């Protein structure tokens, strides 16, 4: 495989001048994007998983350092430069017009081009999960959230209303608006499951990869539990907020207890994944499936 420059242009660290240009260019782009993501996404409830994904994602690459150096075979410069030059205008467009999702996705594409250029295709295949995992850094676009949460909000509202009505509470529903006694509650995106699904999926996949990456059947089995557990946790969250509103008033539900309920539901959902793993792992081993 050809490198970006002849051996004579290689530095002591094995990097050519062209490769250093790619790395420096990437470093210049990373700073402003991290600031924007931190201010517009990570500071909100639906982006709290971002710093965790970034830190653990970097750690996943670092722990594979020795294997990557052994597999290293510089990639095709045409593909590397092609990917870099294709993603650069996308990044500029996203940055200029404040399309954060597009900006972050393009930056990750540039990062992948640089990584492929230095380490090659075999190394890319070896760290496919860390590459996929870093995709959770991309803020979901608003239209995608609207499409996904529309059905989830309705489902969560219906189930919560039926359970509380069965328990004897004076509750009714019109669309995604719940009426309990004299109070009116709107099931918003934060309560619909989208936030928990994205955060729980990223953390759960990291957990599954570390402990069960050698057994793809069992890894798929655990992954399939993420969505139903996240939805069930958010049903409990909505019911809890309704009960807080009914017994303690609207201010209590919309204040500190609202944020506490969200964090508690995420922890409960994560513990649900751990519980499924604890129960199912011995059964899979007994059947010889892992």
C-alpha atoms as a PDB file:
ATOM      1  CA  UNK A   1       0.000   0.000   0.000  1.00  0.00           C
ATOM      2  CA  UNK A   2       1.351   3.440  -0.876  1.00  0.00           C
ATOM      3  CA  UNK A   3       1.818   6.106   1.761  1.00  0.00           C
ATOM      4  CA  UNK A   4       1.061   9.779   1.435  1.00  0.00           C
ATOM      5  CA  UNK A   5       4.722  10.570   0.816  1.00  0.00           C
ATOM      6  CA  UNK A   6       7.943   8.742  -0.058  1.00  0.00           C
ATOM      7  CA  UNK A   7       9.952   7.247   2.803  1.00  0.00           C
ATOM      8  CA  UNK A   8      12.396  10.131   2.555  1.00  0.00           C
ATOM      9  CA  UNK A   9       9.686  12.484   3.770  1.00  0.00           C
ATOM     10  CA  UNK A  10       8.907  10.414   6.870  1.00  0.00           C
ATOM     11  CA  UNK A  11       9.667  11.930  10.265  1.00  0.00           C
ATOM     12  CA  UNK A  12      11.231  10.084  13.151  1.00  0.00           C
ATOM     13  CA  UNK A  13       7.778   9.153  14.409  1.00  0.00           C
ATOM     14  CA  UNK A  14       6.834   7.586  11.095  1.00  0.00           C
ATOM     15  CA  UNK A  15       4.575  10.448  10.027  1.00  0.00           C
ATOM     16  CA  UNK A  16       4.988  12.180   6.705  1.00  0.00           C
ATOM     17  CA  UNK A  17       4.588  15.914   6.219  1.00  0.00           C
ATOM     18  CA  UNK A  18       1.201  15.355   4.571  1.00  0.00           C
ATOM     19  CA  UNK A  19       0.040  13.229   7.481  1.00  0.00           C
ATOM     20  CA  UNK A  20       1.075  15.942   9.919  1.00  0.00           C
ATOM     21  CA  UNK A  21      -0.968  18.435   7.861  1.00  0.00           C
ATOM     22  CA  UNK A  22      -4.026  16.219   8.285  1.00  0.00           C
ATOM     23  CA  UNK A  23      -3.501  15.876  12.032  1.00  0.00           C
ATOM     24  CA  UNK A  24      -2.896  19.598  12.604  1.00  0.00           C
ATOM     25  CA  UNK A  25      -5.922  20.470  10.475  1.00  0.00           C
ATOM     26  CA  UNK A  26      -8.072  18.120  12.535  1.00  0.00           C
ATOM     27  CA  UNK A  27      -6.788  19.648  15.764  1.00  0.00           C
ATOM     28  CA  UNK A  28      -7.789  23.119  14.568  1.00  0.00           C
ATOM     29  CA  UNK A  29     -11.331  21.891  13.864  1.00  0.00           C
ATOM     30  CA  UNK A  30     -11.870  19.971  17.099  1.00  0.00           C
ATOM     31  CA  UNK A  31     -11.660  22.931  19.516  1.00  0.00           C
ATOM     32  CA  UNK A  32     -14.528  25.100  18.209  1.00  0.00           C
ATOM     33  CA  UNK A  33     -16.760  22.074  17.719  1.00  0.00           C
ATOM     34  CA  UNK A  34     -16.219  20.836  21.281  1.00  0.00           C
ATOM     35  CA  UNK A  35     -17.150  24.286  22.599  1.00  0.00           C
ATOM     36  CA  UNK A  36     -20.344  24.341  20.521  1.00  0.00           C
ATOM     37  CA  UNK A  37     -21.321  20.800  21.517  1.00  0.00           C
ATOM     38  CA  UNK A  38     -20.657  21.544  25.176  1.00  0.00           C
ATOM     39  CA  UNK A  39     -22.805  24.677  25.128  1.00  0.00           C
ATOM     40  CA  UNK A  40     -25.659  23.486  22.905  1.00  0.00           C
ATOM     41  CA  UNK A  41     -25.928  19.745  23.592  1.00  0.00           C
ATOM     42  CA  UNK A  42     -23.997  18.429  26.606  1.00  0.00           C
ATOM     43  CA  UNK A  43     -25.477  21.071  28.892  1.00  0.00           C
ATOM     44  CA  UNK A  44     -28.982  19.696  28.253  1.00  0.00           C
ATOM     45  CA  UNK A  45     -30.623  16.551  29.591  1.00  0.00           C
ATOM     46  CA  UNK A  46     -30.578  14.777  26.228  1.00  0.00           C
ATOM     47  CA  UNK A  47     -26.813  15.264  25.903  1.00  0.00           C
ATOM     48  CA  UNK A  48     -25.516  14.325  29.345  1.00  0.00           C
ATOM     49  CA  UNK A  49     -24.020  11.128  27.931  1.00  0.00           C
ATOM     50  CA  UNK A  50     -21.740  13.080  25.570  1.00  0.00           C
ATOM     51  CA  UNK A  51     -18.723  13.634  27.876  1.00  0.00           C
ATOM     52  CA  UNK A  52     -18.973  10.013  29.031  1.00  0.00           C
ATOM     53  CA  UNK A  53     -18.964   8.743  25.442  1.00  0.00           C
ATOM     54  CA  UNK A  54     -16.017  10.977  24.518  1.00  0.00           C
ATOM     55  CA  UNK A  55     -13.889   9.906  27.492  1.00  0.00           C
ATOM     56  CA  UNK A  56     -14.680   6.195  27.251  1.00  0.00           C
ATOM     57  CA  UNK A  57     -14.379   6.250  23.462  1.00  0.00           C
ATOM     58  CA  UNK A  58     -10.855   7.659  23.653  1.00  0.00           C
ATOM     59  CA  UNK A  59     -10.045   5.052  26.299  1.00  0.00           C
ATOM     60  CA  UNK A  60     -11.237   2.268  23.971  1.00  0.00           C
ATOM     61  CA  UNK A  61      -8.737   3.422  21.345  1.00  0.00           C
ATOM     62  CA  UNK A  62      -5.913   3.795  23.848  1.00  0.00           C
ATOM     63  CA  UNK A  63      -6.396   0.272  25.211  1.00  0.00           C
ATOM     64  CA  UNK A  64      -6.015  -1.043  21.646  1.00  0.00           C
ATOM     65  CA  UNK A  65      -2.774   0.851  21.060  1.00  0.00           C
ATOM     66  CA  UNK A  66      -0.470  -2.171  20.859  1.00  0.00           C
ATOM     67  CA  UNK A  67      -2.804  -4.092  18.550  1.00  0.00           C
ATOM     68  CA  UNK A  68      -3.215  -1.057  16.291  1.00  0.00           C
ATOM     69  CA  UNK A  69       0.538  -0.614  15.974  1.00  0.00           C
ATOM     70  CA  UNK A  70       0.896  -4.284  15.015  1.00  0.00           C
ATOM     71  CA  UNK A  71      -1.882  -4.035  12.417  1.00  0.00           C
ATOM     72  CA  UNK A  72      -0.706  -0.677  11.071  1.00  0.00           C
ATOM     73  CA  UNK A  73      -0.410  -0.546   7.309  1.00  0.00           C
ATOM     74  CA  UNK A  74      -0.919   2.982   5.887  1.00  0.00           C
ATOM     75  CA  UNK A  75      -4.139   3.294   3.910  1.00  0.00           C
ATOM     76  CA  UNK A  76      -4.666   4.303   0.324  1.00  0.00           C
ATOM     77  CA  UNK A  77      -3.853   8.044   0.116  1.00  0.00           C
ATOM     78  CA  UNK A  78      -6.526   8.585  -2.540  1.00  0.00           C
ATOM     79  CA  UNK A  79      -9.238   7.252  -0.227  1.00  0.00           C
ATOM     80  CA  UNK A  80      -7.833   9.107   2.796  1.00  0.00           C
ATOM     81  CA  UNK A  81      -7.593  12.467   1.046  1.00  0.00           C
ATOM     82  CA  UNK A  82     -10.887  11.875  -0.740  1.00  0.00           C
ATOM     83  CA  UNK A  83     -12.661  11.315   2.577  1.00  0.00           C
ATOM     84  CA  UNK A  84     -10.973  14.328   4.144  1.00  0.00           C
ATOM     85  CA  UNK A  85     -11.799  16.676   1.263  1.00  0.00           C
ATOM     86  CA  UNK A  86     -15.371  15.368   1.029  1.00  0.00           C
ATOM     87  CA  UNK A  87     -16.070  15.931   4.732  1.00  0.00           C
ATOM     88  CA  UNK A  88     -14.355  19.331   4.994  1.00  0.00           C
ATOM     89  CA  UNK A  89     -16.994  21.362   3.076  1.00  0.00           C
ATOM     90  CA  UNK A  90     -19.743  19.526   4.982  1.00  0.00           C
ATOM     91  CA  UNK A  91     -18.073  20.579   8.223  1.00  0.00           C
ATOM     92  CA  UNK A  92     -17.742  24.186   7.034  1.00  0.00           C
ATOM     93  CA  UNK A  93     -21.413  24.248   5.978  1.00  0.00           C
ATOM     94  CA  UNK A  94     -22.582  22.812   9.306  1.00  0.00           C
ATOM     95  CA  UNK A  95     -20.367  25.235  11.222  1.00  0.00           C
ATOM     96  CA  UNK A  96     -21.419  28.281   9.208  1.00  0.00           C
ATOM     97  CA  UNK A  97     -25.158  27.619   9.420  1.00  0.00           C
ATOM     98  CA  UNK A  98     -25.156  26.174  12.961  1.00  0.00           C
ATOM     99  CA  UNK A  99     -26.190  22.637  11.957  1.00  0.00           C
ATOM    100  CA  UNK A 100     -24.525  20.993  14.939  1.00  0.00           C
ATOM    101  CA  UNK A 101     -25.434  17.425  13.949  1.00  0.00           C
ATOM    102  CA  UNK A 102     -23.908  17.900  10.504  1.00  0.00           C
ATOM    103  CA  UNK A 103     -20.838  19.602  11.951  1.00  0.00           C
ATOM    104  CA  UNK A 104     -20.082  16.832  14.445  1.00  0.00           C
ATOM    105  CA  UNK A 105     -20.791  14.053  11.923  1.00  0.00           C
ATOM    106  CA  UNK A 106     -18.436  15.657   9.393  1.00  0.00           C
ATOM    107  CA  UNK A 107     -15.740  16.082  12.038  1.00  0.00           C
ATOM    108  CA  UNK A 108     -15.970  12.398  12.934  1.00  0.00           C
ATOM    109  CA  UNK A 109     -15.709  11.598   9.220  1.00  0.00           C
ATOM    110  CA  UNK A 110     -12.534  13.660   8.986  1.00  0.00           C
ATOM    111  CA  UNK A 111     -11.194  11.901  12.069  1.00  0.00           C
ATOM    112  CA  UNK A 112     -11.890   8.527  10.463  1.00  0.00           C
ATOM    113  CA  UNK A 113     -10.082   9.598   7.281  1.00  0.00           C
ATOM    114  CA  UNK A 114      -7.002  10.587   9.284  1.00  0.00           C
ATOM    115  CA  UNK A 115      -7.107   7.356  11.277  1.00  0.00           C
ATOM    116  CA  UNK A 116      -7.448   5.256   8.105  1.00  0.00           C
ATOM    117  CA  UNK A 117      -4.641   7.173   6.433  1.00  0.00           C
ATOM    118  CA  UNK A 118      -2.175   6.318   9.196  1.00  0.00           C
ATOM    119  CA  UNK A 119      -3.348   2.873  10.371  1.00  0.00           C
ATOM    120  CA  UNK A 120      -5.058   1.370   7.317  1.00  0.00           C
ATOM    121  CA  UNK A 121      -8.140  -0.764   6.723  1.00  0.00           C
ATOM    122  CA  UNK A 122      -7.198  -3.701   8.975  1.00  0.00           C
ATOM    123  CA  UNK A 123      -6.932  -1.385  11.959  1.00  0.00           C
ATOM    124  CA  UNK A 124     -10.263   0.240  11.090  1.00  0.00           C
ATOM    125  CA  UNK A 125     -11.924  -3.162  11.096  1.00  0.00           C
ATOM    126  CA  UNK A 126     -10.274  -4.032  14.403  1.00  0.00           C
ATOM    127  CA  UNK A 127     -11.696  -0.964  16.189  1.00  0.00           C
ATOM    128  CA  UNK A 128     -15.080  -0.925  14.457  1.00  0.00           C
ATOM    129  CA  UNK A 129     -16.957  -0.701  17.757  1.00  0.00           C
ATOM    130  CA  UNK A 130     -15.093   2.342  19.168  1.00  0.00           C
ATOM    131  CA  UNK A 131     -15.679   4.075  15.815  1.00  0.00           C
ATOM    132  CA  UNK A 132     -19.394   3.225  15.937  1.00  0.00           C
ATOM    133  CA  UNK A 133     -19.545   4.164  19.622  1.00  0.00           C
ATOM    134  CA  UNK A 134     -18.216   7.669  18.961  1.00  0.00           C
ATOM    135  CA  UNK A 135     -21.228   8.153  16.687  1.00  0.00           C
ATOM    136  CA  UNK A 136     -23.263   8.772  19.854  1.00  0.00           C
ATOM    137  CA  UNK A 137     -21.443  12.111  20.062  1.00  0.00           C
ATOM    138  CA  UNK A 138     -23.576  13.329  17.145  1.00  0.00           C
ATOM    139  CA  UNK A 139     -26.549  15.335  18.493  1.00  0.00           C
ATOM    140  CA  UNK A 140     -29.775  13.850  17.077  1.00  0.00           C
ATOM    141  CA  UNK A 141     -31.340  16.379  14.660  1.00  0.00           C
ATOM    142  CA  UNK A 142     -34.594  17.953  15.762  1.00  0.00           C
ATOM    143  CA  UNK A 143     -36.685  16.375  12.989  1.00  0.00           C
ATOM    144  CA  UNK A 144     -35.494  12.894  14.013  1.00  0.00           C
ATOM    145  CA  UNK A 145     -36.405  13.547  17.646  1.00  0.00           C
ATOM    146  CA  UNK A 146     -39.871  14.713  16.568  1.00  0.00           C
ATOM    147  CA  UNK A 147     -40.447  11.608  14.442  1.00  0.00           C
ATOM    148  CA  UNK A 148     -39.234   9.142  17.069  1.00  0.00           C
ATOM    149  CA  UNK A 149     -40.780  10.784  20.110  1.00  0.00           C
ATOM    150  CA  UNK A 150     -44.205  11.286  18.525  1.00  0.00           C
ATOM    151  CA  UNK A 151     -45.071   7.605  18.857  1.00  0.00           C
ATOM    152  CA  UNK A 152     -43.237   7.194  22.147  1.00  0.00           C
ATOM    153  CA  UNK A 153     -45.015  10.123  23.779  1.00  0.00           C
ATOM    154  CA  UNK A 154     -48.392   8.712  22.789  1.00  0.00           C
ATOM    155  CA  UNK A 155     -47.526   5.199  23.952  1.00  0.00           C
ATOM    156  CA  UNK A 156     -46.109   6.374  27.289  1.00  0.00           C
ATOM    157  CA  UNK A 157     -49.141   8.597  27.844  1.00  0.00           C
ATOM    158  CA  UNK A 158     -51.640   5.811  27.118  1.00  0.00           C
ATOM    159  CA  UNK A 159     -49.963   3.212  29.324  1.00  0.00           C
ATOM    160  CA  UNK A 160     -49.423   5.649  32.210  1.00  0.00           C
ATOM    161  CA  UNK A 161     -53.047   6.787  32.067  1.00  0.00           C
ATOM    162  CA  UNK A 162     -54.443   3.250  32.081  1.00  0.00           C
ATOM    163  CA  UNK A 163     -52.267   2.153  35.013  1.00  0.00           C
ATOM    164  CA  UNK A 164     -53.100   5.198  37.155  1.00  0.00           C
ATOM    165  CA  UNK A 165     -56.781   4.988  36.243  1.00  0.00           C
ATOM    166  CA  UNK A 166     -56.792   1.338  37.307  1.00  0.00           C
ATOM    167  CA  UNK A 167     -55.178   2.425  40.593  1.00  0.00           C
ATOM    168  CA  UNK A 168     -58.123   4.767  41.218  1.00  0.00           C
ATOM    169  CA  UNK A 169     -56.621   8.167  40.389  1.00  0.00           C
ATOM    170  CA  UNK A 170     -58.828  10.799  38.663  1.00  0.00           C
ATOM    171  CA  UNK A 171     -56.838  10.954  35.428  1.00  0.00           C
ATOM    172  CA  UNK A 172     -57.769  11.500  31.797  1.00  0.00           C
ATOM    173  CA  UNK A 173     -55.826  11.944  28.578  1.00  0.00           C
ATOM    174  CA  UNK A 174     -56.204  13.991  25.409  1.00  0.00           C
ATOM    175  CA  UNK A 175     -53.349  13.239  23.027  1.00  0.00           C
ATOM    176  CA  UNK A 176     -50.162  13.572  25.086  1.00  0.00           C
ATOM    177  CA  UNK A 177     -51.752  15.877  27.667  1.00  0.00           C
ATOM    178  CA  UNK A 178     -52.680  14.275  30.976  1.00  0.00           C
ATOM    179  CA  UNK A 179     -55.314  15.698  33.313  1.00  0.00           C
ATOM    180  CA  UNK A 180     -55.184  14.659  36.969  1.00  0.00           C
ATOM    181  CA  UNK A 181     -57.590  16.411  39.353  1.00  0.00           C
ATOM    182  CA  UNK A 182     -57.150  20.152  38.676  1.00  0.00           C
ATOM    183  CA  UNK A 183     -53.702  19.742  37.132  1.00  0.00           C
ATOM    184  CA  UNK A 184     -52.680  19.478  33.484  1.00  0.00           C
ATOM    185  CA  UNK A 185     -49.413  17.814  32.428  1.00  0.00           C
ATOM    186  CA  UNK A 186     -47.869  17.654  28.979  1.00  0.00           C
ATOM    187  CA  UNK A 187     -45.730  14.609  28.188  1.00  0.00           C
ATOM    188  CA  UNK A 188     -42.768  16.298  26.505  1.00  0.00           C
ATOM    189  CA  UNK A 189     -39.757  14.865  24.662  1.00  0.00           C
ATOM    190  CA  UNK A 190     -37.804  14.612  27.915  1.00  0.00           C
ATOM    191  CA  UNK A 191     -40.414  12.227  29.319  1.00  0.00           C
ATOM    192  CA  UNK A 192     -41.084  10.272  26.141  1.00  0.00           C
ATOM    193  CA  UNK A 193     -38.026   8.050  26.288  1.00  0.00           C
ATOM    194  CA  UNK A 194     -35.773   9.596  23.623  1.00  0.00           C
ATOM    195  CA  UNK A 195     -33.273  10.965  26.134  1.00  0.00           C
ATOM    196  CA  UNK A 196     -33.082   7.725  28.095  1.00  0.00           C
ATOM    197  CA  UNK A 197     -32.929   5.605  24.953  1.00  0.00           C
ATOM    198  CA  UNK A 198     -29.894   7.429  23.518  1.00  0.00           C
ATOM    199  CA  UNK A 199     -28.046   7.654  26.832  1.00  0.00           C
ATOM    200  CA  UNK A 200     -28.936   4.149  27.943  1.00  0.00           C
ATOM    201  CA  UNK A 201     -28.030   2.675  24.552  1.00  0.00           C
ATOM    202  CA  UNK A 202     -24.574   4.258  24.540  1.00  0.00           C
ATOM    203  CA  UNK A 203     -23.740   3.231  28.120  1.00  0.00           C
ATOM    204  CA  UNK A 204     -25.234  -0.259  27.708  1.00  0.00           C
ATOM    205  CA  UNK A 205     -23.374  -0.937  24.457  1.00  0.00           C
ATOM    206  CA  UNK A 206     -20.123   0.094  26.143  1.00  0.00           C
ATOM    207  CA  UNK A 207     -20.891  -2.340  28.985  1.00  0.00           C
ATOM    208  CA  UNK A 208     -21.831  -5.152  26.594  1.00  0.00           C
ATOM    209  CA  UNK A 209     -18.734  -4.621  24.447  1.00  0.00           C
ATOM    210  CA  UNK A 210     -16.362  -4.769  27.415  1.00  0.00           C
ATOM    211  CA  UNK A 211     -17.888  -7.875  29.010  1.00  0.00           C
ATOM    212  CA  UNK A 212     -19.504  -9.846  26.201  1.00  0.00           C
ATOM    213  CA  UNK A 213     -17.927  -8.830  22.888  1.00  0.00           C
ATOM    214  CA  UNK A 214     -16.679 -12.394  22.353  1.00  0.00           C
ATOM    215  CA  UNK A 215     -20.236 -13.762  22.284  1.00  0.00           C
ATOM    216  CA  UNK A 216     -22.164 -11.998  19.523  1.00  0.00           C
ATOM    217  CA  UNK A 217     -25.380 -13.930  20.223  1.00  0.00           C
ATOM    218  CA  UNK A 218     -25.496 -12.856  23.831  1.00  0.00           C
ATOM    219  CA  UNK A 219     -24.456  -9.299  22.936  1.00  0.00           C
ATOM    220  CA  UNK A 220     -27.384  -9.068  20.505  1.00  0.00           C
ATOM    221  CA  UNK A 221     -29.707 -10.517  23.156  1.00  0.00           C
ATOM    222  CA  UNK A 222     -28.748  -7.844  25.711  1.00  0.00           C
ATOM    223  CA  UNK A 223     -28.933  -5.094  23.100  1.00  0.00           C
ATOM    224  CA  UNK A 224     -32.538  -6.052  22.321  1.00  0.00           C
ATOM    225  CA  UNK A 225     -33.466  -5.321  25.942  1.00  0.00           C
ATOM    226  CA  UNK A 226     -32.293  -1.693  25.851  1.00  0.00           C
ATOM    227  CA  UNK A 227     -35.364  -0.222  24.116  1.00  0.00           C
ATOM    228  CA  UNK A 228     -38.101  -1.950  26.169  1.00  0.00           C
ATOM    229  CA  UNK A 229     -36.302  -1.233  29.445  1.00  0.00           C
ATOM    230  CA  UNK A 230     -35.890   2.451  28.526  1.00  0.00           C
ATOM    231  CA  UNK A 231     -39.574   2.736  27.611  1.00  0.00           C
ATOM    232  CA  UNK A 232     -40.710   0.993  30.802  1.00  0.00           C
ATOM    233  CA  UNK A 233     -38.475   3.256  32.879  1.00  0.00           C
ATOM    234  CA  UNK A 234     -40.015   6.342  31.282  1.00  0.00           C
ATOM    235  CA  UNK A 235     -43.532   5.052  31.891  1.00  0.00           C
ATOM    236  CA  UNK A 236     -42.611   4.820  35.558  1.00  0.00           C
ATOM    237  CA  UNK A 237     -41.134   8.332  35.345  1.00  0.00           C
ATOM    238  CA  UNK A 238     -44.332   9.819  33.921  1.00  0.00           C
ATOM    239  CA  UNK A 239     -46.474   8.066  36.522  1.00  0.00           C
ATOM    240  CA  UNK A 240     -44.156   9.273  39.277  1.00  0.00           C
ATOM    241  CA  UNK A 241     -44.416  12.879  38.055  1.00  0.00           C
ATOM    242  CA  UNK A 242     -48.212  12.580  37.898  1.00  0.00           C
ATOM    243  CA  UNK A 243     -48.296  11.282  41.471  1.00  0.00           C
ATOM    244  CA  UNK A 244     -45.953  14.060  42.658  1.00  0.00           C
ATOM    245  CA  UNK A 245     -48.177  16.637  40.968  1.00  0.00           C
ATOM    246  CA  UNK A 246     -51.336  15.147  42.458  1.00  0.00           C
ATOM    247  CA  UNK A 247     -50.021  14.853  46.019  1.00  0.00           C
ATOM    248  CA  UNK A 248     -47.433  17.673  46.286  1.00  0.00           C
ATOM    249  CA  UNK A 249     -48.456  20.158  43.617  1.00  0.00           C
ATOM    250  CA  UNK A 250     -47.208  21.328  40.242  1.00  0.00           C
ATOM    251  CA  UNK A 251     -44.216  23.268  41.555  1.00  0.00           C
ATOM    252  CA  UNK A 252     -42.752  20.167  43.197  1.00  0.00           C
ATOM    253  CA  UNK A 253     -43.164  18.119  40.011  1.00  0.00           C
ATOM    254  CA  UNK A 254     -41.637  20.734  37.697  1.00  0.00           C
ATOM    255  CA  UNK A 255     -38.796  21.690  40.018  1.00  0.00           C
ATOM    256  CA  UNK A 256     -36.134  19.643  41.700  1.00  0.00           C
ATOM    257  CA  UNK A 257     -38.190  16.449  41.793  1.00  0.00           C
ATOM    258  CA  UNK A 258     -38.647  16.527  37.994  1.00  0.00           C
ATOM    259  CA  UNK A 259     -34.880  16.457  37.395  1.00  0.00           C
ATOM    260  CA  UNK A 260     -34.395  13.914  40.169  1.00  0.00           C
ATOM    261  CA  UNK A 261     -37.018  11.648  38.598  1.00  0.00           C
ATOM    262  CA  UNK A 262     -35.196  11.770  35.270  1.00  0.00           C
ATOM    263  CA  UNK A 263     -31.843  10.802  36.788  1.00  0.00           C
ATOM    264  CA  UNK A 264     -33.449   8.114  38.928  1.00  0.00           C
ATOM    265  CA  UNK A 265     -35.187   6.559  35.932  1.00  0.00           C
ATOM    266  CA  UNK A 266     -31.907   6.428  33.989  1.00  0.00           C
ATOM    267  CA  UNK A 267     -30.207   4.671  36.899  1.00  0.00           C
ATOM    268  CA  UNK A 268     -33.117   2.246  37.251  1.00  0.00           C
ATOM    269  CA  UNK A 269     -33.045   1.477  33.523  1.00  0.00           C
ATOM    270  CA  UNK A 270     -29.294   0.862  33.646  1.00  0.00           C
ATOM    271  CA  UNK A 271     -29.725  -1.403  36.644  1.00  0.00           C
ATOM    272  CA  UNK A 272     -32.388  -3.219  34.619  1.00  0.00           C
ATOM    273  CA  UNK A 273     -29.782  -4.045  31.958  1.00  0.00           C
ATOM    274  CA  UNK A 274     -27.414  -5.290  34.654  1.00  0.00           C
ATOM    275  CA  UNK A 275     -30.218  -7.426  36.147  1.00  0.00           C
ATOM    276  CA  UNK A 276     -31.049  -9.008  32.783  1.00  0.00           C
ATOM    277  CA  UNK A 277     -27.352  -9.761  32.292  1.00  0.00           C
ATOM    278  CA  UNK A 278     -27.086 -11.304  35.765  1.00  0.00           C
ATOM    279  CA  UNK A 279     -30.078 -13.601  35.167  1.00  0.00           C
ATOM    280  CA  UNK A 280     -29.515 -14.471  31.508  1.00  0.00           C
ATOM    281  CA  UNK A 281     -25.738 -15.020  31.457  1.00  0.00           C
ATOM    282  CA  UNK A 282     -25.828 -18.295  33.456  1.00  0.00           C
ATOM    283  CA  UNK A 283     -28.637 -19.606  31.220  1.00  0.00           C
ATOM    284  CA  UNK A 284     -26.687 -18.833  28.040  1.00  0.00           C
ATOM    285  CA  UNK A 285     -23.568 -20.481  29.457  1.00  0.00           C
ATOM    286  CA  UNK A 286     -25.568 -23.545  30.440  1.00  0.00           C
ATOM    287  CA  UNK A 287     -26.866 -23.855  26.883  1.00  0.00           C
ATOM    288  CA  UNK A 288     -23.363 -23.361  25.483  1.00  0.00           C
ATOM    289  CA  UNK A 289     -24.324 -20.176  23.620  1.00  0.00           C
ATOM    290  CA  UNK A 290     -21.515 -18.055  25.114  1.00  0.00           C
END
